[in-house]
Amino acid sequence: MMEAKAESLLKERSLRVTRPRVAVLSVIHSSPHLEAGAIITTVREKLGTVSTQTIYDVLNTLVDAHLARRIAMPNGAARYELETGDNHQHVVCRDCGRMHDVEDPGTSTPLSASSEHGFEIDNVEITFWGVCPQCRTGQDQKTP
């Protein structure tokens, strides 16, 4: 993501344009599905010294402003990507953790929880789990 585009997105959400915010937006655009630790490392490579707390604050701000999406991972660190509003889901390899986007599998329709329990549903997250082709190939080679 070019800096000008990142700055424009921040301004559209009435957020102050700062070097860390621009850098984090650029990182999650160019490398979606990274954990915060990897984002921190990459931002520091671009900007030099930036505190860990600053990066977490930026990530929280971007998520709250609907510029980024936090993907909760069971038994693992959250991952981040740009918020695209397309309601896509994810497929994750159980062995290596590789993650890919999956087109909306029809989750945009209201769920029964909304009427049965009085919830107003604003988001649905489905994660498909399996073993990726690279890991399957590795497993095939381990088998005698």
N, C-alpha and C. Protein backbone atom coordinates (compact mmCIF):
# COMPACT_ATOMS: atom_id res chain seq x y z
N MET A 1 0.86 -1.17 0.00
CA MET A 1 0.00 0.00 0.00
C MET A 1 0.90 1.23 0.00
N MET A 2 0.61 2.10 -0.90
CA MET A 2 1.39 3.33 -0.96
C MET A 2 1.02 4.21 0.23
N GLU A 3 1.99 4.97 0.71
CA GLU A 3 1.75 5.82 1.88
C GLU A 3 0.57 6.76 1.67
N ALA A 4 0.43 7.29 0.47
CA ALA A 4 -0.66 8.23 0.19
C ALA A 4 -2.02 7.56 0.40
N LYS A 5 -2.15 6.30 -0.02
CA LYS A 5 -3.41 5.56 0.15
C LYS A 5 -3.68 5.32 1.64
N ALA A 6 -2.65 4.94 2.39
CA ALA A 6 -2.80 4.72 3.83
C ALA A 6 -3.21 6.01 4.52
N GLU A 7 -2.58 7.11 4.15
CA GLU A 7 -2.93 8.41 4.73
C GLU A 7 -4.37 8.77 4.42
N SER A 8 -4.79 8.52 3.19
CA SER A 8 -6.16 8.80 2.78
C SER A 8 -7.17 8.00 3.60
N LEU A 9 -6.88 6.70 3.79
CA LEU A 9 -7.78 5.85 4.59
C LEU A 9 -7.89 6.36 6.02
N LEU A 10 -6.77 6.76 6.61
CA LEU A 10 -6.79 7.28 7.97
C LEU A 10 -7.62 8.56 8.05
N LYS A 11 -7.43 9.45 7.09
CA LYS A 11 -8.17 10.72 7.08
C LYS A 11 -9.66 10.48 6.89
N GLU A 12 -10.03 9.49 6.05
CA GLU A 12 -11.45 9.16 5.84
C GLU A 12 -12.13 8.77 7.14
N ARG A 13 -11.37 8.16 8.05
CA ARG A 13 -11.92 7.73 9.35
C ARG A 13 -11.65 8.75 10.45
N SER A 14 -11.21 9.95 10.04
CA SER A 14 -10.90 11.05 10.98
C SER A 14 -9.84 10.67 12.00
N LEU A 15 -8.88 9.87 11.54
CA LEU A 15 -7.76 9.48 12.40
C LEU A 15 -6.54 10.31 12.06
N ARG A 16 -5.77 10.62 13.07
CA ARG A 16 -4.53 11.35 12.87
C ARG A 16 -3.57 10.49 12.05
N VAL A 17 -2.90 11.09 11.09
CA VAL A 17 -1.93 10.38 10.27
C VAL A 17 -0.59 10.39 11.00
N THR A 18 -0.11 9.21 11.37
CA THR A 18 1.19 9.09 12.03
C THR A 18 2.02 8.06 11.27
N ARG A 19 3.32 8.14 11.43
CA ARG A 19 4.20 7.18 10.75
C ARG A 19 3.88 5.75 11.16
N PRO A 20 3.69 5.44 12.45
CA PRO A 20 3.35 4.06 12.81
C PRO A 20 2.03 3.58 12.20
N ARG A 21 1.04 4.43 12.16
CA ARG A 21 -0.25 4.02 11.58
C ARG A 21 -0.11 3.73 10.09
N VAL A 22 0.61 4.59 9.39
CA VAL A 22 0.83 4.38 7.96
C VAL A 22 1.62 3.10 7.74
N ALA A 23 2.65 2.89 8.56
CA ALA A 23 3.49 1.69 8.41
C ALA A 23 2.70 0.42 8.68
N VAL A 24 1.89 0.41 9.74
CA VAL A 24 1.11 -0.79 10.07
C VAL A 24 0.10 -1.08 8.97
N LEU A 25 -0.60 -0.07 8.49
CA LEU A 25 -1.54 -0.28 7.38
C LEU A 25 -0.83 -0.87 6.17
N SER A 26 0.35 -0.35 5.87
CA SER A 26 1.11 -0.85 4.72
C SER A 26 1.51 -2.31 4.92
N VAL A 27 1.93 -2.65 6.12
CA VAL A 27 2.36 -4.03 6.40
C VAL A 27 1.20 -5.00 6.28
N ILE A 28 0.05 -4.67 6.88
CA ILE A 28 -1.06 -5.63 6.82
C ILE A 28 -1.67 -5.68 5.43
N HIS A 29 -1.46 -4.64 4.63
CA HIS A 29 -1.90 -4.71 3.23
C HIS A 29 -1.00 -5.63 2.43
N SER A 30 0.31 -5.50 2.61
CA SER A 30 1.24 -6.29 1.80
C SER A 30 1.41 -7.72 2.30
N SER A 31 1.15 -7.94 3.58
CA SER A 31 1.31 -9.28 4.17
C SER A 31 0.13 -9.58 5.09
N PRO A 32 -1.04 -9.88 4.53
CA PRO A 32 -2.19 -10.18 5.39
C PRO A 32 -1.97 -11.45 6.21
N HIS A 33 -2.69 -11.52 7.30
CA HIS A 33 -2.73 -12.69 8.18
C HIS A 33 -1.49 -12.81 9.08
N LEU A 34 -0.77 -11.73 9.28
CA LEU A 34 0.38 -11.77 10.18
C LEU A 34 -0.07 -11.62 11.63
N GLU A 35 0.70 -12.23 12.52
CA GLU A 35 0.52 -12.01 13.95
C GLU A 35 1.14 -10.68 14.32
N ALA A 36 0.76 -10.13 15.46
CA ALA A 36 1.27 -8.83 15.89
C ALA A 36 2.79 -8.82 15.97
N GLY A 37 3.39 -9.90 16.43
CA GLY A 37 4.86 -9.95 16.54
C GLY A 37 5.55 -9.75 15.21
N ALA A 38 5.02 -10.34 14.16
CA ALA A 38 5.60 -10.17 12.83
C ALA A 38 5.36 -8.76 12.31
N ILE A 39 4.21 -8.19 12.64
CA ILE A 39 3.92 -6.81 12.24
C ILE A 39 4.89 -5.87 12.93
N ILE A 40 5.13 -6.10 14.21
CA ILE A 40 6.06 -5.26 14.98
C ILE A 40 7.45 -5.31 14.34
N THR A 41 7.92 -6.50 14.03
CA THR A 41 9.25 -6.66 13.43
C THR A 41 9.34 -5.91 12.10
N THR A 42 8.34 -6.06 11.25
CA THR A 42 8.36 -5.42 9.94
C THR A 42 8.27 -3.90 10.05
N VAL A 43 7.43 -3.41 10.95
CA VAL A 43 7.32 -1.96 11.14
C VAL A 43 8.64 -1.40 11.64
N ARG A 44 9.30 -2.10 12.55
CA ARG A 44 10.59 -1.63 13.05
C ARG A 44 11.65 -1.62 11.95
N GLU A 45 11.58 -2.57 11.03
CA GLU A 45 12.51 -2.56 9.89
C GLU A 45 12.31 -1.32 9.03
N LYS A 46 11.05 -0.87 8.94
CA LYS A 46 10.75 0.31 8.12
C LYS A 46 11.06 1.61 8.84
N LEU A 47 10.72 1.68 10.14
CA LEU A 47 10.77 2.95 10.86
C LEU A 47 11.89 3.06 11.88
N GLY A 48 12.51 1.96 12.22
CA GLY A 48 13.48 2.00 13.31
C GLY A 48 12.77 1.72 14.63
N THR A 49 13.14 2.43 15.65
CA THR A 49 12.60 2.18 16.98
C THR A 49 11.14 2.62 17.08
N VAL A 50 10.28 1.65 17.37
CA VAL A 50 8.87 1.90 17.66
C VAL A 50 8.51 0.95 18.79
N SER A 51 7.86 1.46 19.82
CA SER A 51 7.56 0.61 20.97
C SER A 51 6.50 -0.44 20.61
N THR A 52 6.59 -1.55 21.30
CA THR A 52 5.61 -2.63 21.12
C THR A 52 4.22 -2.11 21.44
N GLN A 53 4.10 -1.34 22.52
CA GLN A 53 2.80 -0.80 22.92
C GLN A 53 2.20 0.09 21.84
N THR A 54 3.05 0.88 21.18
CA THR A 54 2.57 1.74 20.10
C THR A 54 1.94 0.91 18.99
N ILE A 55 2.60 -0.18 18.61
CA ILE A 55 2.07 -1.02 17.53
C ILE A 55 0.75 -1.65 17.95
N TYR A 56 0.66 -2.15 19.18
CA TYR A 56 -0.60 -2.72 19.65
C TYR A 56 -1.70 -1.65 19.69
N ASP A 57 -1.34 -0.44 20.13
CA ASP A 57 -2.32 0.66 20.14
C ASP A 57 -2.80 0.96 18.72
N VAL A 58 -1.87 0.99 17.77
CA VAL A 58 -2.23 1.25 16.37
C VAL A 58 -3.15 0.14 15.86
N LEU A 59 -2.81 -1.11 16.12
CA LEU A 59 -3.66 -2.22 15.67
C LEU A 59 -5.06 -2.09 16.25
N ASN A 60 -5.17 -1.80 17.54
CA ASN A 60 -6.49 -1.64 18.17
C ASN A 60 -7.26 -0.48 17.54
N THR A 61 -6.57 0.62 17.29
CA THR A 61 -7.21 1.78 16.67
C THR A 61 -7.72 1.44 15.28
N LEU A 62 -6.90 0.74 14.49
CA LEU A 62 -7.30 0.38 13.13
C LEU A 62 -8.48 -0.59 13.14
N VAL A 63 -8.49 -1.53 14.08
CA VAL A 63 -9.62 -2.46 14.19
C VAL A 63 -10.89 -1.69 14.59
N ASP A 64 -10.75 -0.82 15.61
CA ASP A 64 -11.91 -0.04 16.06
C ASP A 64 -12.47 0.85 14.96
N ALA A 65 -11.60 1.33 14.07
CA ALA A 65 -12.02 2.21 12.98
C ALA A 65 -12.45 1.43 11.74
N HIS A 66 -12.47 0.10 11.83
CA HIS A 66 -12.85 -0.78 10.72
C HIS A 66 -11.95 -0.63 9.50
N LEU A 67 -10.67 -0.35 9.77
CA LEU A 67 -9.66 -0.35 8.70
C LEU A 67 -8.92 -1.67 8.68
N ALA A 68 -8.89 -2.35 9.81
CA ALA A 68 -8.22 -3.64 9.92
C ALA A 68 -9.17 -4.62 10.59
N ARG A 69 -8.89 -5.88 10.37
CA ARG A 69 -9.70 -6.97 10.94
C ARG A 69 -8.79 -7.84 11.79
N ARG A 70 -9.19 -8.09 13.01
CA ARG A 70 -8.47 -8.99 13.91
C ARG A 70 -9.11 -10.36 13.76
N ILE A 71 -8.30 -11.35 13.44
CA ILE A 71 -8.78 -12.71 13.25
C ILE A 71 -8.36 -13.51 14.48
N ALA A 72 -9.32 -13.88 15.29
CA ALA A 72 -9.04 -14.63 16.51
C ALA A 72 -8.68 -16.07 16.15
N MET A 73 -7.58 -16.53 16.68
CA MET A 73 -7.14 -17.90 16.41
C MET A 73 -7.18 -18.70 17.72
N PRO A 74 -7.92 -19.78 17.75
CA PRO A 74 -7.95 -20.59 18.96
C PRO A 74 -6.55 -21.09 19.30
N ASN A 75 -6.18 -20.96 20.54
CA ASN A 75 -4.87 -21.43 21.02
C ASN A 75 -3.70 -20.78 20.28
N GLY A 76 -3.88 -19.58 19.80
CA GLY A 76 -2.80 -18.90 19.09
C GLY A 76 -3.01 -17.40 19.10
N ALA A 77 -2.02 -16.71 18.61
CA ALA A 77 -2.09 -15.25 18.55
C ALA A 77 -3.05 -14.81 17.46
N ALA A 78 -3.71 -13.70 17.69
CA ALA A 78 -4.59 -13.12 16.67
C ALA A 78 -3.75 -12.72 15.46
N ARG A 79 -4.41 -12.71 14.33
CA ARG A 79 -3.77 -12.26 13.09
C ARG A 79 -4.56 -11.08 12.56
N TYR A 80 -3.93 -10.32 11.67
CA TYR A 80 -4.53 -9.08 11.19
C TYR A 80 -4.50 -9.01 9.67
N GLU A 81 -5.53 -8.35 9.13
CA GLU A 81 -5.61 -8.08 7.70
C GLU A 81 -6.42 -6.80 7.52
N LEU A 82 -6.38 -6.24 6.32
CA LEU A 82 -7.20 -5.07 6.05
C LEU A 82 -8.67 -5.47 6.08
N GLU A 83 -9.50 -4.59 6.57
CA GLU A 83 -10.94 -4.81 6.56
C GLU A 83 -11.45 -4.48 5.17
N THR A 84 -11.96 -5.47 4.48
CA THR A 84 -12.42 -5.27 3.10
C THR A 84 -13.94 -5.21 3.01
N GLY A 85 -14.64 -5.66 4.05
CA GLY A 85 -16.09 -5.63 4.04
C GLY A 85 -16.72 -6.68 3.14
N ASP A 86 -15.92 -7.63 2.65
CA ASP A 86 -16.46 -8.62 1.72
C ASP A 86 -16.93 -9.91 2.40
N ASN A 87 -16.86 -9.97 3.72
CA ASN A 87 -17.34 -11.12 4.49
C ASN A 87 -16.64 -12.42 4.13
N HIS A 88 -15.37 -12.35 3.71
CA HIS A 88 -14.65 -13.59 3.42
C HIS A 88 -14.27 -14.29 4.72
N GLN A 89 -13.98 -15.56 4.61
CA GLN A 89 -13.59 -16.37 5.75
C GLN A 89 -12.17 -16.89 5.50
N HIS A 90 -11.73 -17.85 6.31
CA HIS A 90 -10.34 -18.31 6.19
C HIS A 90 -10.23 -19.83 6.28
N VAL A 91 -9.19 -20.35 5.64
CA VAL A 91 -8.82 -21.74 5.75
C VAL A 91 -7.40 -21.74 6.32
N VAL A 92 -7.17 -22.59 7.33
CA VAL A 92 -5.89 -22.61 8.05
C VAL A 92 -5.34 -24.03 8.08
N CYS A 93 -4.04 -24.14 7.83
CA CYS A 93 -3.37 -25.44 7.92
C CYS A 93 -3.08 -25.76 9.39
N ARG A 94 -3.51 -26.94 9.82
CA ARG A 94 -3.27 -27.38 11.19
C ARG A 94 -1.79 -27.61 11.49
N ASP A 95 -1.00 -27.91 10.46
CA ASP A 95 0.41 -28.23 10.68
C ASP A 95 1.29 -26.99 10.70
N CYS A 96 1.22 -26.17 9.65
CA CYS A 96 2.16 -25.04 9.54
C CYS A 96 1.52 -23.69 9.86
N GLY A 97 0.20 -23.63 9.95
CA GLY A 97 -0.47 -22.38 10.26
C GLY A 97 -0.74 -21.48 9.07
N ARG A 98 -0.38 -21.92 7.87
CA ARG A 98 -0.62 -21.13 6.66
C ARG A 98 -2.12 -20.80 6.58
N MET A 99 -2.43 -19.56 6.22
CA MET A 99 -3.83 -19.12 6.17
C MET A 99 -4.12 -18.49 4.81
N HIS A 100 -5.30 -18.80 4.28
CA HIS A 100 -5.74 -18.22 3.01
C HIS A 100 -7.19 -17.74 3.16
N ASP A 101 -7.54 -16.76 2.34
CA ASP A 101 -8.92 -16.29 2.30
C ASP A 101 -9.79 -17.29 1.56
N VAL A 102 -11.05 -17.38 1.99
CA VAL A 102 -12.06 -18.20 1.34
C VAL A 102 -13.24 -17.28 1.07
N GLU A 103 -13.75 -17.31 -0.12
CA GLU A 103 -14.89 -16.46 -0.46
C GLU A 103 -16.05 -16.75 0.49
N ASP A 104 -16.91 -15.78 0.65
CA ASP A 104 -18.07 -15.88 1.53
C ASP A 104 -18.85 -17.17 1.25
N PRO A 105 -18.89 -18.07 2.25
CA PRO A 105 -19.62 -19.33 2.04
C PRO A 105 -21.11 -19.21 2.34
N GLY A 106 -21.67 -18.02 2.16
CA GLY A 106 -23.10 -17.84 2.40
C GLY A 106 -23.42 -17.49 3.83
N THR A 107 -22.48 -16.85 4.53
CA THR A 107 -22.69 -16.52 5.94
C THR A 107 -23.33 -15.16 6.15
N SER A 108 -23.68 -14.47 5.09
CA SER A 108 -24.21 -13.12 5.23
C SER A 108 -25.69 -13.12 5.62
N THR A 109 -26.35 -14.27 5.60
CA THR A 109 -27.75 -14.33 6.00
C THR A 109 -27.85 -14.35 7.52
N PRO A 110 -28.90 -13.77 8.08
CA PRO A 110 -29.04 -13.75 9.54
C PRO A 110 -29.08 -15.16 10.11
N LEU A 111 -28.48 -15.32 11.25
CA LEU A 111 -28.48 -16.61 11.92
C LEU A 111 -29.65 -16.71 12.88
N SER A 112 -30.01 -17.91 13.23
CA SER A 112 -31.13 -18.10 14.14
C SER A 112 -30.84 -17.47 15.51
N ALA A 113 -29.58 -17.30 15.88
CA ALA A 113 -29.24 -16.71 17.17
C ALA A 113 -29.81 -15.31 17.30
N SER A 114 -29.94 -14.61 16.17
CA SER A 114 -30.43 -13.24 16.25
C SER A 114 -31.87 -13.19 16.73
N SER A 115 -32.69 -14.10 16.24
CA SER A 115 -34.09 -14.07 16.65
C SER A 115 -34.33 -14.89 17.92
N GLU A 116 -33.65 -16.00 18.06
CA GLU A 116 -33.87 -16.86 19.22
C GLU A 116 -33.34 -16.26 20.52
N HIS A 117 -32.27 -15.50 20.43
CA HIS A 117 -31.62 -15.00 21.63
C HIS A 117 -31.57 -13.48 21.71
N GLY A 118 -32.17 -12.80 20.75
CA GLY A 118 -32.25 -11.35 20.78
C GLY A 118 -30.99 -10.63 20.34
N PHE A 119 -30.04 -11.34 19.76
CA PHE A 119 -28.79 -10.71 19.31
C PHE A 119 -29.00 -10.01 17.98
N GLU A 120 -28.28 -8.93 17.77
CA GLU A 120 -28.16 -8.31 16.47
C GLU A 120 -26.81 -8.72 15.93
N ILE A 121 -26.80 -9.61 14.95
CA ILE A 121 -25.56 -10.16 14.41
C ILE A 121 -24.90 -9.13 13.50
N ASP A 122 -23.62 -8.80 13.78
CA ASP A 122 -22.91 -7.85 12.93
C ASP A 122 -21.68 -8.47 12.27
N ASN A 123 -21.37 -9.71 12.65
CA ASN A 123 -20.21 -10.36 12.05
C ASN A 123 -20.31 -11.86 12.25
N VAL A 124 -19.85 -12.59 11.27
CA VAL A 124 -19.78 -14.04 11.36
C VAL A 124 -18.37 -14.44 10.96
N GLU A 125 -17.73 -15.27 11.77
CA GLU A 125 -16.40 -15.76 11.43
C GLU A 125 -16.43 -17.27 11.38
N ILE A 126 -16.01 -17.80 10.26
CA ILE A 126 -15.90 -19.24 10.09
C ILE A 126 -14.47 -19.53 9.69
N THR A 127 -13.86 -20.47 10.36
CA THR A 127 -12.50 -20.86 10.01
C THR A 127 -12.54 -22.33 9.62
N PHE A 128 -12.06 -22.61 8.43
CA PHE A 128 -11.95 -23.97 7.95
C PHE A 128 -10.55 -24.46 8.29
N TRP A 129 -10.44 -25.64 8.85
CA TRP A 129 -9.16 -26.21 9.26
C TRP A 129 -8.87 -27.45 8.43
N GLY A 130 -7.62 -27.64 8.11
CA GLY A 130 -7.20 -28.80 7.34
C GLY A 130 -5.69 -28.84 7.24
N VAL A 131 -5.20 -29.56 6.27
CA VAL A 131 -3.76 -29.67 6.04
C VAL A 131 -3.49 -29.20 4.61
N CYS A 132 -2.57 -28.24 4.49
CA CYS A 132 -2.28 -27.64 3.17
C CYS A 132 -1.52 -28.63 2.29
N PRO A 133 -1.47 -28.36 0.98
CA PRO A 133 -0.78 -29.26 0.05
C PRO A 133 0.70 -29.47 0.39
N GLN A 134 1.38 -28.40 0.83
CA GLN A 134 2.81 -28.54 1.16
C GLN A 134 3.01 -29.47 2.35
N CYS A 135 2.17 -29.35 3.35
CA CYS A 135 2.30 -30.23 4.52
C CYS A 135 1.86 -31.65 4.19
N ARG A 136 0.84 -31.80 3.35
CA ARG A 136 0.42 -33.14 2.93
C ARG A 136 1.53 -33.82 2.17
N THR A 137 2.21 -33.09 1.31
CA THR A 137 3.33 -33.66 0.55
C THR A 137 4.42 -34.11 1.51
N GLY A 138 4.69 -33.31 2.53
CA GLY A 138 5.68 -33.68 3.55
C GLY A 138 5.27 -34.93 4.32
N GLN A 139 3.97 -35.05 4.59
CA GLN A 139 3.46 -36.24 5.29
C GLN A 139 3.59 -37.47 4.42
N ASP A 140 3.31 -37.29 3.10
CA ASP A 140 3.43 -38.43 2.19
C ASP A 140 4.86 -38.94 2.16
N GLN A 141 5.84 -38.05 2.26
CA GLN A 141 7.25 -38.45 2.21
C GLN A 141 7.67 -39.15 3.49
N LYS A 142 6.97 -38.86 4.63
CA LYS A 142 7.33 -39.48 5.90
C LYS A 142 6.79 -40.92 6.00
N THR A 143 5.75 -41.20 5.22
CA THR A 143 5.14 -42.51 5.27
C THR A 143 6.01 -43.53 4.52
N PRO A 144 6.35 -44.69 5.17
CA PRO A 144 7.19 -45.70 4.50
C PRO A 144 6.47 -46.38 3.37
